[in-house]
Protein backbone atom coordinates (compact mmCIF):
# COMPACT_ATOMS: atom_id res chain seq x y z
CA UNK A 1 3.02 -1.36 -19.15
CA UNK A 2 2.42 -4.74 -17.51
CA UNK A 3 0.11 -4.77 -14.48
CA UNK A 4 0.84 -7.10 -11.53
CA UNK A 5 -0.76 -8.01 -8.24
CA UNK A 6 0.80 -9.34 -5.09
CA UNK A 7 -0.28 -10.38 -1.59
CA UNK A 8 1.92 -9.95 1.45
CA UNK A 9 2.53 -8.34 4.81
CA UNK A 10 3.14 -4.58 4.84
CA UNK A 11 6.25 -3.31 6.71
CA UNK A 12 8.52 -0.22 6.91
CA UNK A 13 5.87 2.35 6.03
CA UNK A 14 7.56 5.70 5.55
CA UNK A 15 6.52 9.08 4.21
CA UNK A 16 9.07 10.26 1.65
CA UNK A 17 7.36 13.53 0.73
CA UNK A 18 4.17 15.15 2.02
CA UNK A 19 4.05 18.47 0.21
CA UNK A 20 3.00 19.43 -2.47
CA UNK A 21 2.32 15.86 -3.59
CA UNK A 22 2.39 12.98 -1.12
CA UNK A 23 4.80 10.09 -1.72
CA UNK A 24 4.79 7.02 0.57
CA UNK A 25 6.95 3.94 0.54
CA UNK A 26 6.59 0.52 2.15
CA UNK A 27 7.98 -3.02 1.82
CA UNK A 28 5.64 -5.87 1.03
CA UNK A 29 6.90 -9.23 2.30
CA UNK A 30 5.49 -11.97 0.08
CA UNK A 31 6.33 -15.69 0.24
CA UNK A 32 8.88 -15.41 -2.52
CA UNK A 33 10.45 -11.88 -2.28
CA UNK A 34 10.31 -8.49 -0.72
CA UNK A 35 8.82 -5.76 -2.90
CA UNK A 36 9.64 -2.03 -2.52
CA UNK A 37 6.33 -0.20 -3.10
CA UNK A 38 5.51 3.46 -3.70
CA UNK A 39 2.17 5.15 -3.36
CA UNK A 40 1.62 8.55 -4.95
CA UNK A 41 -2.16 8.85 -4.70
CA UNK A 42 -2.80 10.95 -1.66
CA UNK A 43 -6.07 9.16 -0.81
CA UNK A 44 -4.41 5.73 -0.78
CA UNK A 45 -1.27 6.95 1.03
CA UNK A 46 -3.37 8.45 3.86
CA UNK A 47 -5.11 5.11 4.39
CA UNK A 48 -1.91 3.15 4.37
CA UNK A 49 -0.56 5.37 7.16
CA UNK A 50 -3.28 4.01 9.46
CA UNK A 51 -1.82 0.43 9.15
CA UNK A 52 0.60 -0.99 11.62
CA UNK A 53 3.98 -2.39 10.47
CA UNK A 54 4.16 -6.18 10.20
CA UNK A 55 0.53 -6.74 11.19
CA UNK A 56 -1.65 -6.39 8.13
CA UNK A 57 -1.74 -8.40 4.94
CA UNK A 58 -2.38 -6.35 1.76
CA UNK A 59 -3.37 -7.33 -1.76
CA UNK A 60 -1.87 -4.72 -4.07
CA UNK A 61 -2.29 -4.02 -7.75
CA UNK A 62 -0.07 -1.82 -9.94
CA UNK A 63 3.02 -1.74 -12.11
CA UNK A 64 6.81 -1.43 -11.92
CA UNK A 65 8.70 1.75 -12.75
CA UNK A 66 12.18 1.94 -14.41
CA UNK A 67 13.87 1.60 -10.97
CA UNK A 68 12.08 -1.72 -10.28
CA UNK A 69 9.85 -0.08 -7.64
CA UNK A 70 6.24 -1.20 -7.57
CA UNK A 71 3.74 1.69 -8.01
CA UNK A 72 0.52 0.85 -6.16
CA UNK A 73 -2.70 1.87 -7.94
CA UNK A 74 -5.15 -0.12 -5.78
CA UNK A 75 -4.97 -2.14 -2.59
CA UNK A 76 -7.19 -3.94 -0.10
CA UNK A 77 -6.56 -5.16 3.48
CA UNK A 78 -6.91 -8.95 3.65
CA UNK A 79 -7.08 -9.34 7.47
CA UNK A 80 -8.61 -6.13 8.85
CA UNK A 81 -9.30 -5.77 12.58
CA UNK A 82 -12.01 -3.49 13.91
CA UNK A 83 -9.86 -0.34 13.67
CA UNK A 84 -8.77 -1.12 10.09
CA UNK A 85 -12.35 -1.79 9.01
CA UNK A 86 -13.50 1.57 10.33
CA UNK A 87 -10.60 3.81 9.21
CA UNK A 88 -9.13 2.03 6.15
CA UNK A 89 -11.57 -0.42 4.51
CA UNK A 90 -14.69 1.71 4.79
CA UNK A 91 -13.07 4.92 3.30
CA UNK A 92 -11.35 2.77 0.67
CA UNK A 93 -14.72 1.65 -0.67
CA UNK A 94 -15.54 5.34 -1.43
CA UNK A 95 -12.27 5.85 -3.35
CA UNK A 96 -12.28 2.77 -5.57
C-alpha cells in the first residue's frame, strides 16, 4: 500500500454515516486535481467537522482504496485561525 500526502483547500464536508462507526467525506482542492477523501477515524472526523468549507488549507497523509478514494490517516491545518487553533489543532496534538 503506497502512502501519499497532499496539500489543498478542504470543501464539501459531509457526514456519510455517524453510527455505529463514523464516516466522513470531503473534497480536497489541490493545484493539480480535486481529491475525494474519506475519514473513518472518529477522532479525526470530529475535528474536521469544525472546519469551514473553502476556508482552511489541510495537509493530509494516507492511502487510496480500490475505488480511488483517499483514506486520510493524519492531517494538519496549514492556516488556522483562532477558533481552529483552539478546537482543532490543540486536540489534534493529543491524538497524533
